[in-house]
Amino acid sequence: MSFDVDKLKLLAEQAENEFVGSSYNCPVCALHKQGRVNNRLKFCEGRDYVARRVLKLAQEKREPQLIEKVLAEIERKNASIKRSLVLTSADWQSYADGALSMVGEIRRLFSPG
């Protein structure tokens, strides 16, 4: 798998814009304090986290094998959240859905063929 930094930048910018838009331009910590966090916000937060993490690695010119290892770890962790008997809140589940969505999107973007 080969990672094009420009494509990752675009994907990360899109994810960030979706995250900011879902927060109504309010600080996320303020939304938490006000009890205004919703599933869309957490989904977008998960996507934004993954996109930024992978973009940072690609900008550091890390080996594609390391980036794939990080993607696999993110996927494993969030798949575990989806199966968890403890982390069942809509916030956790939405965040995990967003993270898994972005892992899949990154893999599709950079898969050969």
PDB file of N, CA and C in Angstrom:
ATOM      1  N   MET A   1       0.852  -1.168   0.000  1.00  0.00           N
ATOM      2  CA  MET A   1       0.000   0.000   0.000  1.00  0.00           C
ATOM      3  C   MET A   1       0.899   1.233   0.000  1.00  0.00           C
ATOM      4  N   SER A   2       0.626   2.127  -0.917  1.00  0.00           N
ATOM      5  CA  SER A   2       1.399   3.355  -1.039  1.00  0.00           C
ATOM      6  C   SER A   2       0.498   4.542  -0.663  1.00  0.00           C
ATOM      7  N   PHE A   3       1.034   5.480   0.109  1.00  0.00           N
ATOM      8  CA  PHE A   3       0.226   6.579   0.614  1.00  0.00           C
ATOM      9  C   PHE A   3       0.616   7.892  -0.055  1.00  0.00           C
ATOM     10  N   ASP A   4      -0.341   8.519  -0.714  1.00  0.00           N
ATOM     11  CA  ASP A   4      -0.185   9.814  -1.366  1.00  0.00           C
ATOM     12  C   ASP A   4      -0.559  10.884  -0.334  1.00  0.00           C
ATOM     13  N   VAL A   5       0.416  11.666   0.080  1.00  0.00           N
ATOM     14  CA  VAL A   5       0.195  12.667   1.135  1.00  0.00           C
ATOM     15  C   VAL A   5      -0.864  13.679   0.715  1.00  0.00           C
ATOM     16  N   ASP A   6      -0.885  14.067  -0.555  1.00  0.00           N
ATOM     17  CA  ASP A   6      -1.872  15.049  -1.001  1.00  0.00           C
ATOM     18  C   ASP A   6      -3.296  14.505  -0.879  1.00  0.00           C
ATOM     19  N   LYS A   7      -3.493  13.247  -1.228  1.00  0.00           N
ATOM     20  CA  LYS A   7      -4.812  12.630  -1.080  1.00  0.00           C
ATOM     21  C   LYS A   7      -5.200  12.534   0.394  1.00  0.00           C
ATOM     22  N   LEU A   8      -4.238  12.203   1.230  1.00  0.00           N
ATOM     23  CA  LEU A   8      -4.512  12.128   2.670  1.00  0.00           C
ATOM     24  C   LEU A   8      -4.841  13.505   3.247  1.00  0.00           C
ATOM     25  N   LYS A   9      -4.143  14.545   2.763  1.00  0.00           N
ATOM     26  CA  LYS A   9      -4.434  15.913   3.227  1.00  0.00           C
ATOM     27  C   LYS A   9      -5.874  16.279   2.893  1.00  0.00           C
ATOM     28  N   LEU A  10      -6.286  15.976   1.677  1.00  0.00           N
ATOM     29  CA  LEU A  10      -7.653  16.283   1.263  1.00  0.00           C
ATOM     30  C   LEU A  10      -8.663  15.526   2.115  1.00  0.00           C
ATOM     31  N   LEU A  11      -8.399  14.253   2.337  1.00  0.00           N
ATOM     32  CA  LEU A  11      -9.286  13.436   3.166  1.00  0.00           C
ATOM     33  C   LEU A  11      -9.340  13.970   4.600  1.00  0.00           C
ATOM     34  N   ALA A  12      -8.182  14.357   5.148  1.00  0.00           N
ATOM     35  CA  ALA A  12      -8.131  14.899   6.511  1.00  0.00           C
ATOM     36  C   ALA A  12      -8.858  16.240   6.588  1.00  0.00           C
ATOM     37  N   GLU A  13      -8.723  17.071   5.569  1.00  0.00           N
ATOM     38  CA  GLU A  13      -9.429  18.354   5.546  1.00  0.00           C
ATOM     39  C   GLU A  13     -10.942  18.135   5.514  1.00  0.00           C
ATOM     40  N   GLN A  14     -11.380  17.182   4.709  1.00  0.00           N
ATOM     41  CA  GLN A  14     -12.811  16.874   4.640  1.00  0.00           C
ATOM     42  C   GLN A  14     -13.318  16.379   5.994  1.00  0.00           C
ATOM     43  N   ALA A  15     -12.551  15.490   6.613  1.00  0.00           N
ATOM     44  CA  ALA A  15     -12.949  14.951   7.914  1.00  0.00           C
ATOM     45  C   ALA A  15     -13.003  16.063   8.958  1.00  0.00           C
ATOM     46  N   GLU A  16     -12.012  16.945   8.939  1.00  0.00           N
ATOM     47  CA  GLU A  16     -12.001  18.056   9.893  1.00  0.00           C
ATOM     48  C   GLU A  16     -13.197  18.981   9.670  1.00  0.00           C
ATOM     49  N   ASN A  17     -13.493  19.285   8.410  1.00  0.00           N
ATOM     50  CA  ASN A  17     -14.634  20.161   8.115  1.00  0.00           C
ATOM     51  C   ASN A  17     -15.946  19.537   8.586  1.00  0.00           C
ATOM     52  N   GLU A  18     -16.092  18.239   8.397  1.00  0.00           N
ATOM     53  CA  GLU A  18     -17.298  17.551   8.866  1.00  0.00           C
ATOM     54  C   GLU A  18     -17.377  17.600  10.395  1.00  0.00           C
ATOM     55  N   PHE A  19     -16.235  17.402  11.051  1.00  0.00           N
ATOM     56  CA  PHE A  19     -16.191  17.429  12.517  1.00  0.00           C
ATOM     57  C   PHE A  19     -16.552  18.818  13.040  1.00  0.00           C
ATOM     58  N   VAL A  20     -15.919  19.841  12.479  1.00  0.00           N
ATOM     59  CA  VAL A  20     -16.194  21.214  12.908  1.00  0.00           C
ATOM     60  C   VAL A  20     -17.658  21.560  12.638  1.00  0.00           C
ATOM     61  N   GLY A  21     -18.152  21.167  11.481  1.00  0.00           N
ATOM     62  CA  GLY A  21     -19.547  21.441  11.151  1.00  0.00           C
ATOM     63  C   GLY A  21     -20.520  20.765  12.098  1.00  0.00           C
ATOM     64  N   SER A  22     -20.186  19.556  12.520  1.00  0.00           N
ATOM     65  CA  SER A  22     -21.079  18.823  13.423  1.00  0.00           C
ATOM     66  C   SER A  22     -21.022  19.372  14.850  1.00  0.00           C
ATOM     67  N   SER A  23     -20.001  20.186  15.135  1.00  0.00           N
ATOM     68  CA  SER A  23     -19.890  20.782  16.469  1.00  0.00           C
ATOM     69  C   SER A  23     -20.475  22.188  16.513  1.00  0.00           C
ATOM     70  N   TYR A  24     -21.036  22.634  15.385  1.00  0.00           N
ATOM     71  CA  TYR A  24     -21.616  23.979  15.298  1.00  0.00           C
ATOM     72  C   TYR A  24     -20.591  25.038  15.681  1.00  0.00           C
ATOM     73  N   ASN A  25     -19.322  24.759  15.366  1.00  0.00           N
ATOM     74  CA  ASN A  25     -18.208  25.667  15.650  1.00  0.00           C
ATOM     75  C   ASN A  25     -18.039  25.974  17.138  1.00  0.00           C
ATOM     76  N   CYS A  26     -18.525  25.083  17.988  1.00  0.00           N
ATOM     77  CA  CYS A  26     -18.339  25.217  19.440  1.00  0.00           C
ATOM     78  C   CYS A  26     -17.225  24.277  19.876  1.00  0.00           C
ATOM     79  N   PRO A  27     -16.483  24.636  20.893  1.00  0.00           N
ATOM     80  CA  PRO A  27     -15.486  23.694  21.413  1.00  0.00           C
ATOM     81  C   PRO A  27     -16.183  22.415  21.894  1.00  0.00           C
ATOM     82  N   VAL A  28     -15.611  21.289  21.565  1.00  0.00           N
ATOM     83  CA  VAL A  28     -16.216  20.010  21.917  1.00  0.00           C
ATOM     84  C   VAL A  28     -16.357  19.858  23.426  1.00  0.00           C
ATOM     85  N   CYS A  29     -15.372  20.342  24.174  1.00  0.00           N
ATOM     86  CA  CYS A  29     -15.475  20.237  25.630  1.00  0.00           C
ATOM     87  C   CYS A  29     -16.687  21.008  26.140  1.00  0.00           C
ATOM     88  N   ALA A  30     -17.017  22.149  25.522  1.00  0.00           N
ATOM     89  CA  ALA A  30     -18.199  22.918  25.924  1.00  0.00           C
ATOM     90  C   ALA A  30     -19.473  22.140  25.610  1.00  0.00           C
ATOM     91  N   LEU A  31     -19.490  21.474  24.468  1.00  0.00           N
ATOM     92  CA  LEU A  31     -20.659  20.659  24.116  1.00  0.00           C
ATOM     93  C   LEU A  31     -20.854  19.522  25.116  1.00  0.00           C
ATOM     94  N   HIS A  32     -19.743  18.913  25.550  1.00  0.00           N
ATOM     95  CA  HIS A  32     -19.830  17.854  26.562  1.00  0.00           C
ATOM     96  C   HIS A  32     -20.420  18.414  27.866  1.00  0.00           C
ATOM     97  N   LYS A  33     -19.917  19.551  28.287  1.00  0.00           N
ATOM     98  CA  LYS A  33     -20.395  20.151  29.540  1.00  0.00           C
ATOM     99  C   LYS A  33     -21.871  20.516  29.461  1.00  0.00           C
ATOM    100  N   GLN A  34     -22.315  20.906  28.270  1.00  0.00           N
ATOM    101  CA  GLN A  34     -23.709  21.316  28.081  1.00  0.00           C
ATOM    102  C   GLN A  34     -24.620  20.132  27.760  1.00  0.00           C
ATOM    103  N   GLY A  35     -24.032  18.953  27.618  1.00  0.00           N
ATOM    104  CA  GLY A  35     -24.824  17.775  27.284  1.00  0.00           C
ATOM    105  C   GLY A  35     -25.369  17.806  25.867  1.00  0.00           C
ATOM    106  N   ARG A  36     -24.649  18.467  24.968  1.00  0.00           N
ATOM    107  CA  ARG A  36     -25.113  18.638  23.593  1.00  0.00           C
ATOM    108  C   ARG A  36     -24.348  17.770  22.596  1.00  0.00           C
ATOM    109  N   VAL A  37     -23.661  16.752  23.074  1.00  0.00           N
ATOM    110  CA  VAL A  37     -22.931  15.855  22.184  1.00  0.00           C
ATOM    111  C   VAL A  37     -23.947  14.923  21.527  1.00  0.00           C
ATOM    112  N   ASN A  38     -23.773  14.709  20.230  1.00  0.00           N
ATOM    113  CA  ASN A  38     -24.686  13.820  19.524  1.00  0.00           C
ATOM    114  C   ASN A  38     -23.907  12.767  18.734  1.00  0.00           C
ATOM    115  N   ASN A  39     -24.626  11.810  18.196  1.00  0.00           N
ATOM    116  CA  ASN A  39     -23.977  10.703  17.472  1.00  0.00           C
ATOM    117  C   ASN A  39     -23.186  11.194  16.272  1.00  0.00           C
ATOM    118  N   ARG A  40     -23.705  12.174  15.559  1.00  0.00           N
ATOM    119  CA  ARG A  40     -23.009  12.698  14.373  1.00  0.00           C
ATOM    120  C   ARG A  40     -21.655  13.287  14.768  1.00  0.00           C
ATOM    121  N   LEU A  41     -21.631  14.048  15.851  1.00  0.00           N
ATOM    122  CA  LEU A  41     -20.377  14.648  16.325  1.00  0.00           C
ATOM    123  C   LEU A  41     -19.346  13.566  16.637  1.00  0.00           C
ATOM    124  N   LYS A  42     -19.754  12.533  17.372  1.00  0.00           N
ATOM    125  CA  LYS A  42     -18.816  11.472  17.748  1.00  0.00           C
ATOM    126  C   LYS A  42     -18.354  10.686  16.521  1.00  0.00           C
ATOM    127  N   PHE A  43     -19.251  10.431  15.570  1.00  0.00           N
ATOM    128  CA  PHE A  43     -18.881   9.754  14.327  1.00  0.00           C
ATOM    129  C   PHE A  43     -17.813  10.571  13.599  1.00  0.00           C
ATOM    130  N   CYS A  44     -18.059  11.857  13.450  1.00  0.00           N
ATOM    131  CA  CYS A  44     -17.101  12.737  12.764  1.00  0.00           C
ATOM    132  C   CYS A  44     -15.788  12.847  13.534  1.00  0.00           C
ATOM    133  N   GLU A  45     -15.859  12.834  14.854  1.00  0.00           N
ATOM    134  CA  GLU A  45     -14.644  12.884  15.678  1.00  0.00           C
ATOM    135  C   GLU A  45     -13.775  11.647  15.435  1.00  0.00           C
ATOM    136  N   GLY A  46     -14.396  10.482  15.353  1.00  0.00           N
ATOM    137  CA  GLY A  46     -13.648   9.255  15.069  1.00  0.00           C
ATOM    138  C   GLY A  46     -12.980   9.312  13.710  1.00  0.00           C
ATOM    139  N   ARG A  47     -13.701   9.785  12.718  1.00  0.00           N
ATOM    140  CA  ARG A  47     -13.128   9.909  11.366  1.00  0.00           C
ATOM    141  C   ARG A  47     -11.967  10.900  11.348  1.00  0.00           C
ATOM    142  N   ASP A  48     -12.153  12.029  12.015  1.00  0.00           N
ATOM    143  CA  ASP A  48     -11.123  13.070  12.049  1.00  0.00           C
ATOM    144  C   ASP A  48      -9.852  12.552  12.716  1.00  0.00           C
ATOM    145  N   TYR A  49     -10.007  11.852  13.836  1.00  0.00           N
ATOM    146  CA  TYR A  49      -8.844  11.307  14.542  1.00  0.00           C
ATOM    147  C   TYR A  49      -8.029  10.390  13.634  1.00  0.00           C
ATOM    148  N   VAL A  50      -8.692   9.456  12.974  1.00  0.00           N
ATOM    149  CA  VAL A  50      -7.974   8.497  12.131  1.00  0.00           C
ATOM    150  C   VAL A  50      -7.291   9.213  10.969  1.00  0.00           C
ATOM    151  N   ALA A  51      -7.991  10.116  10.311  1.00  0.00           N
ATOM    152  CA  ALA A  51      -7.413  10.829   9.166  1.00  0.00           C
ATOM    153  C   ALA A  51      -6.170  11.618   9.580  1.00  0.00           C
ATOM    154  N   ARG A  52      -6.250  12.304  10.711  1.00  0.00           N
ATOM    155  CA  ARG A  52      -5.096  13.095  11.181  1.00  0.00           C
ATOM    156  C   ARG A  52      -3.923  12.198  11.570  1.00  0.00           C
ATOM    157  N   ARG A  53      -4.223  11.097  12.221  1.00  0.00           N
ATOM    158  CA  ARG A  53      -3.165  10.181  12.664  1.00  0.00           C
ATOM    159  C   ARG A  53      -2.409   9.616  11.463  1.00  0.00           C
ATOM    160  N   VAL A  54      -3.134   9.181  10.456  1.00  0.00           N
ATOM    161  CA  VAL A  54      -2.497   8.603   9.275  1.00  0.00           C
ATOM    162  C   VAL A  54      -1.783   9.678   8.468  1.00  0.00           C
ATOM    163  N   LEU A  55      -2.377  10.849   8.345  1.00  0.00           N
ATOM    164  CA  LEU A  55      -1.720  11.939   7.626  1.00  0.00           C
ATOM    165  C   LEU A  55      -0.394  12.293   8.286  1.00  0.00           C
ATOM    166  N   LYS A  56      -0.372  12.365   9.594  1.00  0.00           N
ATOM    167  CA  LYS A  56       0.868  12.689  10.308  1.00  0.00           C
ATOM    168  C   LYS A  56       1.964  11.665  10.000  1.00  0.00           C
ATOM    169  N   LEU A  57       1.601  10.401  10.030  1.00  0.00           N
ATOM    170  CA  LEU A  57       2.580   9.358   9.720  1.00  0.00           C
ATOM    171  C   LEU A  57       3.081   9.482   8.290  1.00  0.00           C
ATOM    172  N   ALA A  58       2.173   9.750   7.362  1.00  0.00           N
ATOM    173  CA  ALA A  58       2.570   9.875   5.955  1.00  0.00           C
ATOM    174  C   ALA A  58       3.465  11.097   5.750  1.00  0.00           C
ATOM    175  N   GLN A  59       3.150  12.193   6.441  1.00  0.00           N
ATOM    176  CA  GLN A  59       3.980  13.396   6.323  1.00  0.00           C
ATOM    177  C   GLN A  59       5.368  13.181   6.911  1.00  0.00           C
ATOM    178  N   GLU A  60       5.456  12.314   7.895  1.00  0.00           N
ATOM    179  CA  GLU A  60       6.754  11.973   8.475  1.00  0.00           C
ATOM    180  C   GLU A  60       7.500  10.960   7.614  1.00  0.00           C
ATOM    181  N   LYS A  61       6.895  10.610   6.487  1.00  0.00           N
ATOM    182  CA  LYS A  61       7.466   9.649   5.536  1.00  0.00           C
ATOM    183  C   LYS A  61       7.714   8.284   6.172  1.00  0.00           C
ATOM    184  N   ARG A  62       6.773   7.884   6.993  1.00  0.00           N
ATOM    185  CA  ARG A  62       6.859   6.559   7.616  1.00  0.00           C
ATOM    186  C   ARG A  62       6.616   5.484   6.568  1.00  0.00           C
ATOM    187  N   GLU A  63       7.147   4.322   6.817  1.00  0.00           N
ATOM    188  CA  GLU A  63       6.981   3.195   5.897  1.00  0.00           C
ATOM    189  C   GLU A  63       5.505   2.822   5.789  1.00  0.00           C
ATOM    190  N   PRO A  64       5.057   2.477   4.575  1.00  0.00           N
ATOM    191  CA  PRO A  64       3.668   2.040   4.413  1.00  0.00           C
ATOM    192  C   PRO A  64       3.300   0.878   5.338  1.00  0.00           C
ATOM    193  N   GLN A  65       4.270   0.023   5.655  1.00  0.00           N
ATOM    194  CA  GLN A  65       3.983  -1.108   6.553  1.00  0.00           C
ATOM    195  C   GLN A  65       3.627  -0.608   7.957  1.00  0.00           C
ATOM    196  N   LEU A  66       4.287   0.453   8.408  1.00  0.00           N
ATOM    197  CA  LEU A  66       3.974   1.018   9.729  1.00  0.00           C
ATOM    198  C   LEU A  66       2.585   1.655   9.707  1.00  0.00           C
ATOM    199  N   ILE A  67       2.279   2.357   8.633  1.00  0.00           N
ATOM    200  CA  ILE A  67       0.965   2.985   8.523  1.00  0.00           C
ATOM    201  C   ILE A  67      -0.118   1.912   8.511  1.00  0.00           C
ATOM    202  N   GLU A  68       0.097   0.840   7.785  1.00  0.00           N
ATOM    203  CA  GLU A  68      -0.878  -0.250   7.763  1.00  0.00           C
ATOM    204  C   GLU A  68      -1.004  -0.886   9.146  1.00  0.00           C
ATOM    205  N   LYS A  69       0.108  -1.001   9.855  1.00  0.00           N
ATOM    206  CA  LYS A  69       0.066  -1.546  11.214  1.00  0.00           C
ATOM    207  C   LYS A  69      -0.783  -0.651  12.121  1.00  0.00           C
ATOM    208  N   VAL A  70      -0.622   0.654  11.994  1.00  0.00           N
ATOM    209  CA  VAL A  70      -1.412   1.599  12.784  1.00  0.00           C
ATOM    210  C   VAL A  70      -2.889   1.491  12.414  1.00  0.00           C
ATOM    211  N   LEU A  71      -3.185   1.395  11.118  1.00  0.00           N
ATOM    212  CA  LEU A  71      -4.573   1.227  10.687  1.00  0.00           C
ATOM    213  C   LEU A  71      -5.171  -0.052  11.271  1.00  0.00           C
ATOM    214  N   ALA A  72      -4.390  -1.123  11.248  1.00  0.00           N
ATOM    215  CA  ALA A  72      -4.869  -2.393  11.795  1.00  0.00           C
ATOM    216  C   ALA A  72      -5.132  -2.287  13.294  1.00  0.00           C
ATOM    217  N   GLU A  73      -4.278  -1.570  14.011  1.00  0.00           N
ATOM    218  CA  GLU A  73      -4.463  -1.390  15.456  1.00  0.00           C
ATOM    219  C   GLU A  73      -5.712  -0.547  15.741  1.00  0.00           C
ATOM    220  N   ILE A  74      -5.903   0.523  14.968  1.00  0.00           N
ATOM    221  CA  ILE A  74      -7.094   1.354  15.129  1.00  0.00           C
ATOM    222  C   ILE A  74      -8.342   0.520  14.838  1.00  0.00           C
ATOM    223  N   GLU A  75      -8.267  -0.275  13.793  1.00  0.00           N
ATOM    224  CA  GLU A  75      -9.397  -1.128  13.428  1.00  0.00           C
ATOM    225  C   GLU A  75      -9.695  -2.144  14.540  1.00  0.00           C
ATOM    226  N   ARG A  76      -8.652  -2.775  15.063  1.00  0.00           N
ATOM    227  CA  ARG A  76      -8.830  -3.760  16.131  1.00  0.00           C
ATOM    228  C   ARG A  76      -9.457  -3.120  17.366  1.00  0.00           C
ATOM    229  N   LYS A  77      -8.920  -1.971  17.754  1.00  0.00           N
ATOM    230  CA  LYS A  77      -9.414  -1.283  18.946  1.00  0.00           C
ATOM    231  C   LYS A  77     -10.888  -0.896  18.789  1.00  0.00           C
ATOM    232  N   ASN A  78     -11.244  -0.349  17.652  1.00  0.00           N
ATOM    233  CA  ASN A  78     -12.617   0.110  17.464  1.00  0.00           C
ATOM    234  C   ASN A  78     -13.588  -1.025  17.204  1.00  0.00           C
ATOM    235  N   ALA A  79     -13.122  -2.109  16.610  1.00  0.00           N
ATOM    236  CA  ALA A  79     -13.963  -3.300  16.478  1.00  0.00           C
ATOM    237  C   ALA A  79     -14.245  -3.874  17.868  1.00  0.00           C
ATOM    238  N   SER A  80     -13.262  -3.791  18.759  1.00  0.00           N
ATOM    239  CA  SER A  80     -13.461  -4.245  20.141  1.00  0.00           C
ATOM    240  C   SER A  80     -14.502  -3.385  20.849  1.00  0.00           C
ATOM    241  N   ILE A  81     -14.471  -2.093  20.600  1.00  0.00           N
ATOM    242  CA  ILE A  81     -15.476  -1.203  21.186  1.00  0.00           C
ATOM    243  C   ILE A  81     -16.861  -1.605  20.687  1.00  0.00           C
ATOM    244  N   LYS A  82     -16.978  -1.912  19.402  1.00  0.00           N
ATOM    245  CA  LYS A  82     -18.272  -2.305  18.840  1.00  0.00           C
ATOM    246  C   LYS A  82     -18.817  -3.571  19.502  1.00  0.00           C
ATOM    247  N   ARG A  83     -17.923  -4.468  19.929  1.00  0.00           N
ATOM    248  CA  ARG A  83     -18.337  -5.727  20.560  1.00  0.00           C
ATOM    249  C   ARG A  83     -18.401  -5.637  22.082  1.00  0.00           C
ATOM    250  N   SER A  84     -17.986  -4.528  22.634  1.00  0.00           N
ATOM    251  CA  SER A  84     -17.869  -4.385  24.079  1.00  0.00           C
ATOM    252  C   SER A  84     -19.219  -4.496  24.779  1.00  0.00           C
ATOM    253  N   LEU A  85     -19.174  -5.115  25.935  1.00  0.00           N
ATOM    254  CA  LEU A  85     -20.361  -5.174  26.783  1.00  0.00           C
ATOM    255  C   LEU A  85     -20.396  -3.997  27.755  1.00  0.00           C
ATOM    256  N   VAL A  86     -19.308  -3.227  27.790  1.00  0.00           N
ATOM    257  CA  VAL A  86     -19.202  -2.097  28.707  1.00  0.00           C
ATOM    258  C   VAL A  86     -19.339  -0.763  27.960  1.00  0.00           C
ATOM    259  N   LEU A  87     -18.645  -0.635  26.843  1.00  0.00           N
ATOM    260  CA  LEU A  87     -18.644   0.632  26.093  1.00  0.00           C
ATOM    261  C   LEU A  87     -19.806   0.649  25.100  1.00  0.00           C
ATOM    262  N   THR A  88     -21.002   0.603  25.633  1.00  0.00           N
ATOM    263  CA  THR A  88     -22.192   0.478  24.788  1.00  0.00           C
ATOM    264  C   THR A  88     -22.916   1.800  24.536  1.00  0.00           C
ATOM    265  N   SER A  89     -22.433   2.876  25.127  1.00  0.00           N
ATOM    266  CA  SER A  89     -23.131   4.155  24.943  1.00  0.00           C
ATOM    267  C   SER A  89     -23.098   4.558  23.470  1.00  0.00           C
ATOM    268  N   ALA A  90     -24.078   5.347  23.090  1.00  0.00           N
ATOM    269  CA  ALA A  90     -24.151   5.825  21.703  1.00  0.00           C
ATOM    270  C   ALA A  90     -22.894   6.615  21.334  1.00  0.00           C
ATOM    271  N   ASP A  91     -22.325   7.349  22.294  1.00  0.00           N
ATOM    272  CA  ASP A  91     -21.102   8.115  22.012  1.00  0.00           C
ATOM    273  C   ASP A  91     -19.955   7.198  21.594  1.00  0.00           C
ATOM    274  N   TRP A  92     -19.699   6.164  22.391  1.00  0.00           N
ATOM    275  CA  TRP A  92     -18.609   5.237  22.074  1.00  0.00           C
ATOM    276  C   TRP A  92     -18.868   4.512  20.759  1.00  0.00           C
ATOM    277  N   GLN A  93     -20.085   4.044  20.581  1.00  0.00           N
ATOM    278  CA  GLN A  93     -20.419   3.289  19.380  1.00  0.00           C
ATOM    279  C   GLN A  93     -20.318   4.163  18.124  1.00  0.00           C
ATOM    280  N   SER A  94     -20.756   5.395  18.210  1.00  0.00           N
ATOM    281  CA  SER A  94     -20.670   6.312  17.067  1.00  0.00           C
ATOM    282  C   SER A  94     -19.230   6.667  16.746  1.00  0.00           C
ATOM    283  N   TYR A  95     -18.423   6.893  17.788  1.00  0.00           N
ATOM    284  CA  TYR A  95     -17.001   7.183  17.576  1.00  0.00           C
ATOM    285  C   TYR A  95     -16.337   6.004  16.866  1.00  0.00           C
ATOM    286  N   ALA A  96     -16.592   4.802  17.346  1.00  0.00           N
ATOM    287  CA  ALA A  96     -16.002   3.603  16.742  1.00  0.00           C
ATOM    288  C   ALA A  96     -16.472   3.435  15.303  1.00  0.00           C
ATOM    289  N   ASP A  97     -17.740   3.696  15.042  1.00  0.00           N
ATOM    290  CA  ASP A  97     -18.247   3.621  13.667  1.00  0.00           C
ATOM    291  C   ASP A  97     -17.500   4.591  12.756  1.00  0.00           C
ATOM    292  N   GLY A  98     -17.289   5.811  13.237  1.00  0.00           N
ATOM    293  CA  GLY A  98     -16.566   6.806  12.451  1.00  0.00           C
ATOM    294  C   GLY A  98     -15.126   6.401  12.189  1.00  0.00           C
ATOM    295  N   ALA A  99     -14.460   5.902  13.222  1.00  0.00           N
ATOM    296  CA  ALA A  99     -13.066   5.476  13.070  1.00  0.00           C
ATOM    297  C   ALA A  99     -12.972   4.324  12.070  1.00  0.00           C
ATOM    298  N   LEU A 100     -13.850   3.351  12.192  1.00  0.00           N
ATOM    299  CA  LEU A 100     -13.836   2.204  11.271  1.00  0.00           C
ATOM    300  C   LEU A 100     -14.175   2.643   9.845  1.00  0.00           C
ATOM    301  N   SER A 101     -15.074   3.595   9.725  1.00  0.00           N
ATOM    302  CA  SER A 101     -15.429   4.138   8.415  1.00  0.00           C
ATOM    303  C   SER A 101     -14.201   4.755   7.738  1.00  0.00           C
ATOM    304  N   MET A 102     -13.429   5.533   8.502  1.00  0.00           N
ATOM    305  CA  MET A 102     -12.249   6.188   7.925  1.00  0.00           C
ATOM    306  C   MET A 102     -11.153   5.185   7.607  1.00  0.00           C
ATOM    307  N   VAL A 103     -10.964   4.180   8.443  1.00  0.00           N
ATOM    308  CA  VAL A 103      -9.970   3.144   8.137  1.00  0.00           C
ATOM    309  C   VAL A 103     -10.319   2.508   6.794  1.00  0.00           C
ATOM    310  N   GLY A 104     -11.588   2.168   6.616  1.00  0.00           N
ATOM    311  CA  GLY A 104     -12.021   1.568   5.356  1.00  0.00           C
ATOM    312  C   GLY A 104     -11.825   2.498   4.171  1.00  0.00           C
ATOM    313  N   GLU A 105     -12.141   3.767   4.364  1.00  0.00           N
ATOM    314  CA  GLU A 105     -11.987   4.743   3.282  1.00  0.00           C
ATOM    315  C   GLU A 105     -10.518   4.910   2.891  1.00  0.00           C
ATOM    316  N   ILE A 106      -9.643   4.973   3.857  1.00  0.00           N
ATOM    317  CA  ILE A 106      -8.208   5.098   3.577  1.00  0.00           C
ATOM    318  C   ILE A 106      -7.720   3.864   2.833  1.00  0.00           C
ATOM    319  N   ARG A 107      -8.120   2.707   3.282  1.00  0.00           N
ATOM    320  CA  ARG A 107      -7.696   1.474   2.606  1.00  0.00           C
ATOM    321  C   ARG A 107      -8.204   1.428   1.166  1.00  0.00           C
ATOM    322  N   ARG A 108      -9.448   1.821   0.948  1.00  0.00           N
ATOM    323  CA  ARG A 108      -9.991   1.815  -0.421  1.00  0.00           C
ATOM    324  C   ARG A 108      -9.246   2.817  -1.288  1.00  0.00           C
ATOM    325  N   LEU A 109      -8.931   3.961  -0.720  1.00  0.00           N
ATOM    326  CA  LEU A 109      -8.255   5.012  -1.469  1.00  0.00           C
ATOM    327  C   LEU A 109      -6.877   4.569  -1.945  1.00  0.00           C
ATOM    328  N   PHE A 110      -6.200   3.774  -1.120  1.00  0.00           N
ATOM    329  CA  PHE A 110      -4.829   3.410  -1.429  1.00  0.00           C
ATOM    330  C   PHE A 110      -4.616   1.936  -1.791  1.00  0.00           C
ATOM    331  N   SER A 111      -5.712   1.228  -1.983  1.00  0.00           N
ATOM    332  CA  SER A 111      -5.538  -0.177  -2.374  1.00  0.00           C
ATOM    333  C   SER A 111      -5.210  -0.244  -3.869  1.00  0.00           C
ATOM    334  N   PRO A 112      -4.332  -1.153  -4.222  1.00  0.00           N
ATOM    335  CA  PRO A 112      -3.952  -1.274  -5.642  1.00  0.00           C
ATOM    336  C   PRO A 112      -5.126  -1.788  -6.463  1.00  0.00           C
ATOM    337  N   GLY A 113      -5.189  -1.331  -7.692  1.00  0.00           N
ATOM    338  CA  GLY A 113      -6.201  -1.840  -8.616  1.00  0.00           C
ATOM    339  C   GLY A 113      -7.315  -0.943  -8.671  1.00  0.00           C
TER     340      GLY A 113
END
